[in-house]
C-alpha atoms as a PDB file:
ATOM      1  CA  MET A   1     212.329 216.031  56.555  1.00  0.00           C
ATOM      2  CA  PRO A   2     212.047 218.722  53.681  1.00  0.00           C
ATOM      3  CA  VAL A   3     209.798 218.120  50.897  1.00  0.00           C
ATOM      4  CA  ALA A   4     211.185 215.047  48.739  1.00  0.00           C
ATOM      5  CA  THR A   5     214.121 215.245  46.719  1.00  0.00           C
ATOM      6  CA  PRO A   6     213.647 214.210  42.771  1.00  0.00           C
ATOM      7  CA  GLN A   7     214.859 210.719  43.534  1.00  0.00           C
ATOM      8  CA  GLN A   8     213.038 210.238  46.881  1.00  0.00           C
ATOM      9  CA  TYR A   9     209.858 211.226  44.522  1.00  0.00           C
ATOM     10  CA  ALA A  10     210.443 208.680  41.762  1.00  0.00           C
ATOM     11  CA  GLU A  11     210.803 206.027  44.742  1.00  0.00           C
ATOM     12  CA  MET A  12     207.452 207.161  46.023  1.00  0.00           C
ATOM     13  CA  LEU A  13     205.749 206.290  42.789  1.00  0.00           C
ATOM     14  CA  ASP A  14     207.510 203.154  42.253  1.00  0.00           C
ATOM     15  CA  ALA A  15     206.577 202.137  45.635  1.00  0.00           C
ATOM     16  CA  ALA A  16     203.015 203.062  45.072  1.00  0.00           C
ATOM     17  CA  GLN A  17     203.046 201.088  41.536  1.00  0.00           C
ATOM     18  CA  LYS A  18     204.908 197.997  43.043  1.00  0.00           C
ATOM     19  CA  GLY A  19     202.595 198.043  46.356  1.00  0.00           C
ATOM     20  CA  GLY A  20     199.433 198.621  44.877  1.00  0.00           C
ATOM     21  CA  TYR A  21     198.500 201.795  46.829  1.00  0.00           C
ATOM     22  CA  ALA A  22     198.166 205.460  45.719  1.00  0.00           C
ATOM     23  CA  TYR A  23     198.797 209.241  47.188  1.00  0.00           C
ATOM     24  CA  PRO A  24     196.344 211.243  47.806  1.00  0.00           C
ATOM     25  CA  ALA A  25     196.685 214.728  46.323  1.00  0.00           C
ATOM     26  CA  ILE A  26     195.414 217.661  47.982  1.00  0.00           C
ATOM     27  CA  ASN A  27     195.051 221.127  46.686  1.00  0.00           C
ATOM     28  CA  ILE A  28     196.258 223.758  48.976  1.00  0.00           C
ATOM     29  CA  THR A  29     195.735 227.297  49.202  1.00  0.00           C
ATOM     30  CA  SER A  30     196.701 228.667  52.517  1.00  0.00           C
ATOM     31  CA  LEU A  31     199.514 228.139  55.513  1.00  0.00           C
ATOM     32  CA  ALA A  32     196.261 226.491  57.298  1.00  0.00           C
ATOM     33  CA  THR A  33     195.765 223.888  54.515  1.00  0.00           C
ATOM     34  CA  ILE A  34     199.261 223.154  53.931  1.00  0.00           C
ATOM     35  CA  ASN A  35     199.445 222.463  57.920  1.00  0.00           C
ATOM     36  CA  GLY A  36     196.290 220.326  57.451  1.00  0.00           C
ATOM     37  CA  ALA A  37     197.764 218.293  54.848  1.00  0.00           C
ATOM     38  CA  LEU A  38     200.801 217.810  56.549  1.00  0.00           C
ATOM     39  CA  LYS A  39     199.127 216.716  59.601  1.00  0.00           C
ATOM     40  CA  ALA A  40     196.860 214.142  57.865  1.00  0.00           C
ATOM     41  CA  PHE A  41     199.950 212.424  56.290  1.00  0.00           C
ATOM     42  CA  ALA A  42     202.157 212.743  59.715  1.00  0.00           C
ATOM     43  CA  ASP A  43     199.178 211.081  61.537  1.00  0.00           C
ATOM     44  CA  ALA A  44     198.546 208.378  58.943  1.00  0.00           C
ATOM     45  CA  GLY A  45     202.085 207.632  58.266  1.00  0.00           C
ATOM     46  CA  SER A  46     201.763 208.272  54.484  1.00  0.00           C
ATOM     47  CA  ASP A  47     203.500 209.966  52.255  1.00  0.00           C
ATOM     48  CA  GLY A  48     201.733 212.276  49.968  1.00  0.00           C
ATOM     49  CA  ILE A  49     201.159 214.909  47.510  1.00  0.00           C
ATOM     50  CA  ILE A  50     200.894 218.779  48.130  1.00  0.00           C
ATOM     51  CA  GLN A  51     199.471 220.686  45.044  1.00  0.00           C
ATOM     52  CA  VAL A  52     198.916 224.265  43.861  1.00  0.00           C
ATOM     53  CA  SER A  53     196.329 225.165  41.144  1.00  0.00           C
ATOM     54  CA  THR A  54     196.458 228.378  39.149  1.00  0.00           C
ATOM     55  CA  GLY A  55     193.186 229.854  41.291  1.00  0.00           C
ATOM     56  CA  GLY A  56     195.275 228.651  44.509  1.00  0.00           C
ATOM     57  CA  GLY A  57     198.270 230.652  43.608  1.00  0.00           C
ATOM     58  CA  SER A  58     196.139 233.859  42.566  1.00  0.00           C
ATOM     59  CA  PHE A  59     194.461 233.465  45.769  1.00  0.00           C
ATOM     60  CA  ALA A  60     197.690 232.945  47.946  1.00  0.00           C
ATOM     61  CA  SER A  61     199.483 235.927  46.303  1.00  0.00           C
ATOM     62  CA  GLY A  62     196.623 238.331  47.528  1.00  0.00           C
ATOM     63  CA  LEU A  63     193.814 240.386  46.034  1.00  0.00           C
ATOM     64  CA  ASN A  64     196.189 243.334  45.060  1.00  0.00           C
ATOM     65  CA  VAL A  65     198.633 241.112  43.382  1.00  0.00           C
ATOM     66  CA  ALA A  66     196.597 237.921  42.236  1.00  0.00           C
ATOM     67  CA  ASP A  67     199.528 236.470  40.528  1.00  0.00           C
ATOM     68  CA  GLU A  68     199.205 232.607  39.813  1.00  0.00           C
ATOM     69  CA  ALA A  69     202.839 231.644  39.465  1.00  0.00           C
ATOM     70  CA  PHE A  70     203.852 233.997  42.377  1.00  0.00           C
ATOM     71  CA  GLY A  71     201.155 232.677  44.542  1.00  0.00           C
ATOM     72  CA  ALA A  72     202.485 229.349  43.937  1.00  0.00           C
ATOM     73  CA  ILE A  73     205.902 229.955  44.492  1.00  0.00           C
ATOM     74  CA  VAL A  74     204.753 231.784  47.696  1.00  0.00           C
ATOM     75  CA  LEU A  75     203.268 228.273  48.821  1.00  0.00           C
ATOM     76  CA  ALA A  76     205.619 225.944  47.463  1.00  0.00           C
ATOM     77  CA  GLU A  77     208.524 227.800  49.594  1.00  0.00           C
ATOM     78  CA  ALA A  78     206.165 227.879  52.805  1.00  0.00           C
ATOM     79  CA  THR A  79     205.929 223.860  52.105  1.00  0.00           C
ATOM     80  CA  HIS A  80     209.201 223.328  51.801  1.00  0.00           C
ATOM     81  CA  ARG A  81     209.859 225.130  55.311  1.00  0.00           C
ATOM     82  CA  LEU A  82     206.951 223.669  57.258  1.00  0.00           C
ATOM     83  CA  ALA A  83     207.794 219.876  55.779  1.00  0.00           C
ATOM     84  CA  GLU A  84     210.777 219.967  57.573  1.00  0.00           C
ATOM     85  CA  LYS A  85     209.110 219.215  61.105  1.00  0.00           C
ATOM     86  CA  TYR A  86     207.688 216.007  59.510  1.00  0.00           C
ATOM     87  CA  ASP A  87     208.988 212.290  59.336  1.00  0.00           C
ATOM     88  CA  ILE A  88     206.995 211.709  55.920  1.00  0.00           C
ATOM     89  CA  LEU A  89     207.711 212.508  52.384  1.00  0.00           C
ATOM     90  CA  VAL A  90     205.592 215.002  50.286  1.00  0.00           C
ATOM     91  CA  GLY A  91     206.171 215.751  46.881  1.00  0.00           C
ATOM     92  CA  LEU A  92     204.947 219.184  45.414  1.00  0.00           C
ATOM     93  CA  HIS A  93     203.056 219.647  42.370  1.00  0.00           C
ATOM     94  CA  THR A  94     200.980 221.989  40.216  1.00  0.00           C
ATOM     95  CA  ASP A  95     197.688 220.938  38.929  1.00  0.00           C
ATOM     96  CA  HIS A  96     195.678 221.857  35.495  1.00  0.00           C
ATOM     97  CA  CYS A  97     197.348 224.190  33.571  1.00  0.00           C
ATOM     98  CA  HIS A  98     195.793 224.811  30.154  1.00  0.00           C
ATOM     99  CA  PRO A  99     197.805 225.612  26.955  1.00  0.00           C
ATOM    100  CA  GLN A 100     196.999 229.460  27.142  1.00  0.00           C
ATOM    101  CA  LYS A 101     198.350 229.353  30.658  1.00  0.00           C
ATOM    102  CA  VAL A 102     201.832 227.757  30.202  1.00  0.00           C
ATOM    103  CA  ASP A 103     203.975 231.289  29.604  1.00  0.00           C
ATOM    104  CA  SER A 104     202.076 232.682  32.414  1.00  0.00           C
ATOM    105  CA  PHE A 105     202.164 229.848  35.223  1.00  0.00           C
ATOM    106  CA  LEU A 106     204.473 226.632  34.065  1.00  0.00           C
ATOM    107  CA  LYS A 107     207.352 228.470  32.597  1.00  0.00           C
ATOM    108  CA  PRO A 108     207.835 230.982  35.747  1.00  0.00           C
ATOM    109  CA  LEU A 109     207.889 227.999  37.894  1.00  0.00           C
ATOM    110  CA  LEU A 110     210.188 226.067  35.696  1.00  0.00           C
ATOM    111  CA  GLU A 111     212.480 229.282  36.059  1.00  0.00           C
ATOM    112  CA  ALA A 112     212.166 229.127  39.722  1.00  0.00           C
ATOM    113  CA  SER A 113     213.467 225.459  39.950  1.00  0.00           C
ATOM    114  CA  ARG A 114     216.079 226.701  37.402  1.00  0.00           C
ATOM    115  CA  ALA A 115     217.211 229.351  39.799  1.00  0.00           C
ATOM    116  CA  ARG A 116     217.135 226.950  43.102  1.00  0.00           C
ATOM    117  CA  LYS A 117     219.171 224.388  40.746  1.00  0.00           C
ATOM    118  CA  ALA A 118     221.949 226.781  40.090  1.00  0.00           C
ATOM    119  CA  GLU A 119     222.389 227.147  43.886  1.00  0.00           C
ATOM    120  CA  GLY A 120     222.555 223.604  44.378  1.00  0.00           C
ATOM    121  CA  LYS A 121     219.177 222.925  45.585  1.00  0.00           C
ATOM    122  CA  GLY A 122     216.558 220.778  44.086  1.00  0.00           C
ATOM    123  CA  PRO A 123     213.780 221.780  41.774  1.00  0.00           C
ATOM    124  CA  LEU A 124     210.882 223.719  43.766  1.00  0.00           C
ATOM    125  CA  PHE A 125     208.261 221.554  42.566  1.00  0.00           C
ATOM    126  CA  ASN A 126     208.469 217.823  41.922  1.00  0.00           C
ATOM    127  CA  SER A 127     206.064 217.811  39.336  1.00  0.00           C
ATOM    128  CA  HIS A 128     203.775 219.849  37.110  1.00  0.00           C
ATOM    129  CA  MET A 129     200.388 219.258  35.140  1.00  0.00           C
ATOM    130  CA  PHE A 130     199.833 220.429  31.779  1.00  0.00           C
ATOM    131  CA  ASP A 131     196.304 219.987  30.760  1.00  0.00           C
ATOM    132  CA  GLY A 132     196.109 219.898  26.846  1.00  0.00           C
ATOM    133  CA  SER A 133     193.002 217.845  26.918  1.00  0.00           C
ATOM    134  CA  VAL A 134     191.387 221.323  25.557  1.00  0.00           C
ATOM    135  CA  VAL A 135     192.787 220.592  22.090  1.00  0.00           C
ATOM    136  CA  GLU A 136     193.457 217.676  20.007  1.00  0.00           C
ATOM    137  CA  LEU A 137     195.670 215.001  21.190  1.00  0.00           C
ATOM    138  CA  ASP A 138     198.288 215.763  18.438  1.00  0.00           C
ATOM    139  CA  GLU A 139     199.027 219.605  19.579  1.00  0.00           C
ATOM    140  CA  ASN A 140     198.619 218.263  23.313  1.00  0.00           C
ATOM    141  CA  LEU A 141     201.437 215.667  22.543  1.00  0.00           C
ATOM    142  CA  GLU A 142     203.382 218.353  20.491  1.00  0.00           C
ATOM    143  CA  ILE A 143     203.371 220.644  23.571  1.00  0.00           C
ATOM    144  CA  SER A 144     203.899 218.170  26.385  1.00  0.00           C
ATOM    145  CA  LYS A 145     206.824 216.705  24.733  1.00  0.00           C
ATOM    146  CA  GLY A 146     208.512 220.386  24.802  1.00  0.00           C
ATOM    147  CA  LEU A 147     207.725 220.853  28.435  1.00  0.00           C
ATOM    148  CA  LEU A 148     208.638 216.891  29.443  1.00  0.00           C
ATOM    149  CA  LYS A 149     211.937 218.065  27.931  1.00  0.00           C
ATOM    150  CA  GLU A 150     212.416 220.920  29.435  1.00  0.00           C
ATOM    151  CA  CYS A 151     211.108 218.971  32.813  1.00  0.00           C
ATOM    152  CA  ALA A 152     213.255 216.002  32.724  1.00  0.00           C
ATOM    153  CA  GLU A 153     216.249 218.663  32.617  1.00  0.00           C
ATOM    154  CA  LEU A 154     215.185 219.745  35.875  1.00  0.00           C
ATOM    155  CA  ASP A 155     214.607 216.436  37.507  1.00  0.00           C
ATOM    156  CA  ILE A 156     210.758 217.063  37.253  1.00  0.00           C
ATOM    157  CA  ILE A 157     208.134 214.950  36.700  1.00  0.00           C
ATOM    158  CA  LEU A 158     205.312 216.154  34.037  1.00  0.00           C
ATOM    159  CA  GLU A 159     201.854 214.845  34.288  1.00  0.00           C
ATOM    160  CA  ILE A 160     199.562 215.078  31.264  1.00  0.00           C
ATOM    161  CA  GLU A 161     196.094 214.484  30.342  1.00  0.00           C
ATOM    162  CA  ALA A 162     194.471 212.757  27.430  1.00  0.00           C
ATOM    163  CA  GLY A 163     190.422 212.587  27.522  1.00  0.00           C
ATOM    164  CA  CYS A 164     188.431 215.170  29.563  1.00  0.00           C
ATOM    165  CA  VAL A 165     187.703 215.192  33.180  1.00  0.00           C
ATOM    166  CA  GLY A 166     184.124 216.516  33.397  1.00  0.00           C
ATOM    167  CA  GLY A 167     182.479 218.995  35.674  1.00  0.00           C
ATOM    168  CA  GLU A 168     184.368 222.232  36.897  1.00  0.00           C
ATOM    169  CA  GLU A 169     186.841 223.125  39.282  1.00  0.00           C
ATOM    170  CA  ASP A 170     188.475 226.034  39.985  1.00  0.00           C
ATOM    171  CA  GLY A 171     188.115 227.786  36.472  1.00  0.00           C
ATOM    172  CA  HIS A 172     188.201 224.078  34.677  1.00  0.00           C
ATOM    173  CA  ASP A 173     185.091 223.759  32.901  1.00  0.00           C
ATOM    174  CA  THR A 174     184.151 220.879  30.920  1.00  0.00           C
ATOM    175  CA  SER A 175     180.803 220.626  32.191  1.00  0.00           C
ATOM    176  CA  GLY A 176     179.010 220.805  28.579  1.00  0.00           C
ATOM    177  CA  LEU A 177     181.256 217.862  27.013  1.00  0.00           C
ATOM    178  CA  PRO A 178     179.540 214.918  25.590  1.00  0.00           C
ATOM    179  CA  ALA A 179     180.075 211.924  27.539  1.00  0.00           C
ATOM    180  CA  GLU A 180     182.247 210.144  25.178  1.00  0.00           C
ATOM    181  CA  LYS A 181     185.209 212.695  25.651  1.00  0.00           C
ATOM    182  CA  LEU A 182     185.107 211.576  29.243  1.00  0.00           C
ATOM    183  CA  TYR A 183     186.980 208.347  28.197  1.00  0.00           C
ATOM    184  CA  THR A 184     190.559 208.137  27.073  1.00  0.00           C
ATOM    185  CA  SER A 185     190.750 205.303  24.565  1.00  0.00           C
ATOM    186  CA  PRO A 186     193.485 202.610  24.339  1.00  0.00           C
ATOM    187  CA  GLU A 187     195.128 204.411  21.199  1.00  0.00           C
ATOM    188  CA  ASP A 188     195.062 207.443  22.805  1.00  0.00           C
ATOM    189  CA  MET A 189     197.009 205.778  26.177  1.00  0.00           C
ATOM    190  CA  MET A 190     199.364 203.848  23.470  1.00  0.00           C
ATOM    191  CA  ALA A 191     200.008 207.352  21.641  1.00  0.00           C
ATOM    192  CA  VAL A 192     200.919 208.889  25.184  1.00  0.00           C
ATOM    193  CA  TYR A 193     203.481 205.967  25.963  1.00  0.00           C
ATOM    194  CA  GLU A 194     205.253 206.323  22.408  1.00  0.00           C
ATOM    195  CA  THR A 195     205.329 209.858  22.436  1.00  0.00           C
ATOM    196  CA  LEU A 196     206.603 210.649  25.937  1.00  0.00           C
ATOM    197  CA  GLN A 197     208.483 207.395  27.281  1.00  0.00           C
ATOM    198  CA  PRO A 198     211.735 208.245  25.196  1.00  0.00           C
ATOM    199  CA  ILE A 199     212.034 211.981  26.712  1.00  0.00           C
ATOM    200  CA  GLY A 200     211.546 211.441  30.424  1.00  0.00           C
ATOM    201  CA  ARG A 201     209.267 210.261  33.529  1.00  0.00           C
ATOM    202  CA  PHE A 202     205.770 211.383  33.232  1.00  0.00           C
ATOM    203  CA  LEU A 203     202.335 210.853  35.230  1.00  0.00           C
ATOM    204  CA  PHE A 204     199.088 210.402  32.953  1.00  0.00           C
ATOM    205  CA  ALA A 205     195.749 211.470  33.643  1.00  0.00           C
ATOM    206  CA  ALA A 206     193.733 208.743  31.691  1.00  0.00           C
ATOM    207  CA  THR A 207     190.172 209.602  32.058  1.00  0.00           C
ATOM    208  CA  PHE A 208     187.633 206.889  32.549  1.00  0.00           C
ATOM    209  CA  GLY A 209     184.366 208.781  33.415  1.00  0.00           C
ATOM    210  CA  ASN A 210     185.764 210.755  36.241  1.00  0.00           C
ATOM    211  CA  VAL A 211     184.653 214.321  37.375  1.00  0.00           C
ATOM    212  CA  HIS A 212     185.398 217.289  39.040  1.00  0.00           C
ATOM    213  CA  GLY A 213     183.252 218.760  41.638  1.00  0.00           C
ATOM    214  CA  ALA A 214     180.526 216.829  44.411  1.00  0.00           C
ATOM    215  CA  TYR A 215     177.739 214.698  43.073  1.00  0.00           C
ATOM    216  CA  LYS A 216     174.839 212.692  44.428  1.00  0.00           C
ATOM    217  CA  PRO A 217     175.550 209.094  44.654  1.00  0.00           C
ATOM    218  CA  GLY A 218     174.917 206.998  41.198  1.00  0.00           C
ATOM    219  CA  SER A 219     175.452 210.432  39.310  1.00  0.00           C
ATOM    220  CA  VAL A 220     178.913 209.687  38.430  1.00  0.00           C
ATOM    221  CA  LYS A 221     179.594 206.418  36.092  1.00  0.00           C
ATOM    222  CA  LEU A 222     183.243 205.705  36.235  1.00  0.00           C
ATOM    223  CA  LYS A 223     184.597 202.787  34.109  1.00  0.00           C
ATOM    224  CA  PRO A 224     187.968 201.765  35.851  1.00  0.00           C
ATOM    225  CA  THR A 225     188.447 198.894  33.211  1.00  0.00           C
ATOM    226  CA  ILE A 226     189.518 201.779  30.833  1.00  0.00           C
ATOM    227  CA  LEU A 227     192.438 202.171  32.494  1.00  0.00           C
ATOM    228  CA  ARG A 228     192.725 198.319  32.657  1.00  0.00           C
ATOM    229  CA  ASP A 229     192.469 197.857  28.743  1.00  0.00           C
ATOM    230  CA  GLY A 230     194.897 200.801  27.869  1.00  0.00           C
ATOM    231  CA  GLN A 231     197.790 199.743  29.958  1.00  0.00           C
ATOM    232  CA  LYS A 232     197.323 196.073  28.616  1.00  0.00           C
ATOM    233  CA  VAL A 233     197.521 197.519  25.165  1.00  0.00           C
ATOM    234  CA  VAL A 234     201.069 199.267  26.152  1.00  0.00           C
ATOM    235  CA  THR A 235     202.320 196.380  28.114  1.00  0.00           C
ATOM    236  CA  ASP A 236     201.625 193.782  25.451  1.00  0.00           C
ATOM    237  CA  LYS A 237     203.914 195.829  23.433  1.00  0.00           C
ATOM    238  CA  TYR A 238     206.460 196.929  25.274  1.00  0.00           C
ATOM    239  CA  GLY A 239     206.645 194.687  28.435  1.00  0.00           C
ATOM    240  CA  GLU A 240     205.378 194.859  32.093  1.00  0.00           C
ATOM    241  CA  GLU A 241     208.045 197.722  32.911  1.00  0.00           C
ATOM    242  CA  ALA A 242     206.156 199.738  30.907  1.00  0.00           C
ATOM    243  CA  LYS A 243     203.192 200.180  32.809  1.00  0.00           C
ATOM    244  CA  MET A 244     202.215 203.867  33.068  1.00  0.00           C
ATOM    245  CA  ASP A 245     202.038 205.937  36.406  1.00  0.00           C
ATOM    246  CA  LEU A 246     198.155 206.720  36.380  1.00  0.00           C
ATOM    247  CA  VAL A 247     196.416 209.600  37.924  1.00  0.00           C
ATOM    248  CA  PHE A 248     192.738 209.543  39.209  1.00  0.00           C
ATOM    249  CA  HIS A 249     191.194 213.235  38.834  1.00  0.00           C
ATOM    250  CA  GLY A 250     188.154 214.117  40.454  1.00  0.00           C
ATOM    251  CA  GLY A 251     188.266 211.701  43.272  1.00  0.00           C
ATOM    252  CA  SER A 252     186.066 213.647  45.781  1.00  0.00           C
ATOM    253  CA  GLY A 253     182.867 211.404  46.140  1.00  0.00           C
ATOM    254  CA  SER A 254     184.080 208.461  44.420  1.00  0.00           C
ATOM    255  CA  ASP A 255     182.783 205.169  45.495  1.00  0.00           C
ATOM    256  CA  LEU A 256     185.252 203.258  47.578  1.00  0.00           C
ATOM    257  CA  GLU A 257     185.156 200.338  45.320  1.00  0.00           C
ATOM    258  CA  ASP A 258     185.645 202.279  42.141  1.00  0.00           C
ATOM    259  CA  ILE A 259     189.087 203.841  43.781  1.00  0.00           C
ATOM    260  CA  ARG A 260     190.662 200.541  44.958  1.00  0.00           C
ATOM    261  CA  GLU A 261     189.802 199.093  41.417  1.00  0.00           C
ATOM    262  CA  THR A 262     191.534 201.723  40.080  1.00  0.00           C
ATOM    263  CA  LEU A 263     194.672 200.823  42.118  1.00  0.00           C
ATOM    264  CA  GLY A 264     195.021 197.348  40.538  1.00  0.00           C
ATOM    265  CA  TYR A 265     195.549 199.315  37.210  1.00  0.00           C
ATOM    266  CA  GLY A 266     198.259 201.566  37.730  1.00  0.00           C
ATOM    267  CA  VAL A 267     196.783 204.688  39.384  1.00  0.00           C
ATOM    268  CA  VAL A 268     199.450 206.056  42.018  1.00  0.00           C
ATOM    269  CA  LYS A 269     198.170 209.591  42.586  1.00  0.00           C
ATOM    270  CA  MET A 270     194.217 210.499  43.133  1.00  0.00           C
ATOM    271  CA  ASN A 271     193.253 214.202  43.253  1.00  0.00           C
ATOM    272  CA  ILE A 272     190.994 215.031  46.136  1.00  0.00           C
ATOM    273  CA  ASP A 273     189.894 219.064  46.609  1.00  0.00           C
ATOM    274  CA  THR A 274     185.919 219.328  46.796  1.00  0.00           C
ATOM    275  CA  ASP A 275     185.649 216.824  49.967  1.00  0.00           C
ATOM    276  CA  THR A 276     188.357 218.323  51.754  1.00  0.00           C
ATOM    277  CA  GLN A 277     187.343 222.258  50.763  1.00  0.00           C
ATOM    278  CA  TYR A 278     183.984 221.118  52.764  1.00  0.00           C
ATOM    279  CA  ALA A 279     186.056 219.344  55.503  1.00  0.00           C
ATOM    280  CA  PHE A 280     187.668 222.595  56.219  1.00  0.00           C
ATOM    281  CA  THR A 281     184.655 224.846  55.646  1.00  0.00           C
ATOM    282  CA  ARG A 282     181.854 222.646  57.775  1.00  0.00           C
ATOM    283  CA  PRO A 283     183.315 223.646  61.279  1.00  0.00           C
ATOM    284  CA  ILE A 284     183.787 226.989  60.466  1.00  0.00           C
ATOM    285  CA  VAL A 285     180.234 227.198  59.836  1.00  0.00           C
ATOM    286  CA  THR A 286     179.271 225.392  62.903  1.00  0.00           C
ATOM    287  CA  HIS A 287     181.646 228.005  64.784  1.00  0.00           C
ATOM    288  CA  VAL A 288     179.760 231.053  63.360  1.00  0.00           C
ATOM    289  CA  CYS A 289     176.308 229.330  64.179  1.00  0.00           C
ATOM    290  CA  GLU A 290     177.315 228.322  67.781  1.00  0.00           C
ATOM    291  CA  ASN A 291     178.816 231.741  68.699  1.00  0.00           C
ATOM    292  CA  ILE A 292     177.003 234.245  66.487  1.00  0.00           C
ATOM    293  CA  GLU A 293     176.266 236.638  69.177  1.00  0.00           C
ATOM    294  CA  GLY A 294     179.612 236.784  70.310  1.00  0.00           C
ATOM    295  CA  ILE A 295     181.056 237.092  66.385  1.00  0.00           C
ATOM    296  CA  LEU A 296     178.479 239.684  65.557  1.00  0.00           C
ATOM    297  CA  LYS A 297     178.940 243.243  67.492  1.00  0.00           C
ATOM    298  CA  ILE A 298     175.309 243.498  67.666  1.00  0.00           C
ATOM    299  CA  ASP A 299     173.290 246.602  68.905  1.00  0.00           C
ATOM    300  CA  GLY A 300     176.698 248.557  69.912  1.00  0.00           C
ATOM    301  CA  GLU A 301     178.120 245.606  71.897  1.00  0.00           C
ATOM    302  CA  VAL A 302     181.541 244.409  71.689  1.00  0.00           C
ATOM    303  CA  GLY A 303     181.316 240.980  70.960  1.00  0.00           C
ATOM    304  CA  ASN A 304     183.379 238.324  71.893  1.00  0.00           C
ATOM    305  CA  LYS A 305     186.992 238.567  70.634  1.00  0.00           C
ATOM    306  CA  LYS A 306     187.449 234.691  71.675  1.00  0.00           C
ATOM    307  CA  VAL A 307     184.886 233.560  68.916  1.00  0.00           C
ATOM    308  CA  TYR A 308     185.671 235.971  66.048  1.00  0.00           C
ATOM    309  CA  ASP A 309     189.436 235.474  66.312  1.00  0.00           C
ATOM    310  CA  PRO A 310     190.571 233.404  63.046  1.00  0.00           C
ATOM    311  CA  ARG A 311     192.874 231.186  64.598  1.00  0.00           C
ATOM    312  CA  GLY A 312     189.647 229.820  66.679  1.00  0.00           C
ATOM    313  CA  TYR A 313     187.736 228.460  64.021  1.00  0.00           C
ATOM    314  CA  LEU A 314     190.815 228.129  61.529  1.00  0.00           C
ATOM    315  CA  LYS A 315     192.151 225.378  64.179  1.00  0.00           C
ATOM    316  CA  LYS A 316     189.290 223.347  63.880  1.00  0.00           C
ATOM    317  CA  ALA A 317     189.395 223.738  60.235  1.00  0.00           C
ATOM    318  CA  GLU A 318     192.688 222.449  59.510  1.00  0.00           C
ATOM    319  CA  ALA A 319     191.912 219.549  61.877  1.00  0.00           C
ATOM    320  CA  SER A 320     188.838 218.806  59.928  1.00  0.00           C
ATOM    321  CA  LEU A 321     191.018 218.415  56.748  1.00  0.00           C
ATOM    322  CA  ALA A 322     193.089 216.838  58.139  1.00  0.00           C
ATOM    323  CA  ALA A 323     190.849 214.215  59.391  1.00  0.00           C
ATOM    324  CA  ARG A 324     188.945 213.829  55.563  1.00  0.00           C
ATOM    325  CA  LEU A 325     192.402 213.713  54.144  1.00  0.00           C
ATOM    326  CA  GLN A 326     193.770 210.738  56.603  1.00  0.00           C
ATOM    327  CA  GLU A 327     190.651 209.017  55.328  1.00  0.00           C
ATOM    328  CA  ALA A 328     191.685 209.586  51.925  1.00  0.00           C
ATOM    329  CA  CYS A 329     195.066 207.699  53.014  1.00  0.00           C
ATOM    330  CA  ASP A 330     192.926 204.648  54.277  1.00  0.00           C
ATOM    331  CA  ASP A 331     191.295 204.275  51.169  1.00  0.00           C
ATOM    332  CA  LEU A 332     194.109 204.593  49.120  1.00  0.00           C
ATOM    333  CA  LEU A 333     195.663 201.834  51.262  1.00  0.00           C
ATOM    334  CA  SER A 334     198.874 204.294  51.737  1.00  0.00           C
ATOM    335  CA  THR A 335     198.320 204.198  55.493  1.00  0.00           C
ATOM    336  CA  GLY A 336     201.331 203.344  57.265  1.00  0.00           C
ATOM    337  CA  LYS A 337     203.686 202.951  53.913  1.00  0.00           C
ATOM    338  CA  SER A 338     205.875 205.961  54.200  1.00  0.00           C
ATOM    339  CA  ILE A 339     209.229 205.305  52.524  1.00  0.00           C
ATOM    340  CA  TYR A 340     210.994 207.896  54.496  1.00  0.00           C
ATOM    341  CA  LYS A 341     213.828 206.743  56.387  1.00  0.00           C
ATOM    342  CA  LYS A 342     215.360 208.537  59.020  1.00  0.00           C
END
């Protein structure tokens, strides 16, 4: 099955919201990580979300090009082709895009979708994230309004963020913020709903103490009830159908109890990157350590091509990433719940 159509993507989000589960959203950077993600979702019988960051796009375009949007397009097109071999649905998404990168990253991607639509195809991506959390909420929402209007015209969903996710990931660094900035207020959640709902469908990364990166147990203080209270303010005024599709950023390393609690408050997507990066790299390190004499040409020897062939260790990395992502499907209760119909 190719990447989900706009209608199928909307149905995926609806099913998760009604069913009390969420999709893992994994950041990918290469064919190996795309294949690992597809393997995980297929083995779990789960639909899922594959996403590209600005840094991931730059990496994928190569050292001499280093073009974030171009690399994201290459990864998206590869995912469209590779996904055809699987019997699950995947949505394509882009991660944090700050205001200063809208013109260089988001706009070219929207233009690529516009060109595909003109050819009678679906959009290149199903959704994009605009991260306006670095500016005041009024400015954030003003920019979001314009982007959501453009996205809606292309059958694309916009993800926005109000409040800040802490930590550092892929150049997104908010590690020095005061603690109160890590929690979205009910008033902010109401403002987001009332501003964006009349324009089109959106995803909302409301923050509740979540952070990017890896931390020891107890270091991250999540308050999932922030999501509950914000949703309640909105639904009390506009009815249960106004419940928003929420996104959990910084899912790596989170306690299962906190993850499961957020599902009851409307989280339909959880980003996972740090844990899958580690899962991908760990078997490579083991491979190198166990085969160091064959990998290095020591004292004029020729080494062992079988152990320094990148395919050998990248297969192990792909399998390890897939296993960790399949664990995320279990955590988010999406295992076995693909809506794909042959």
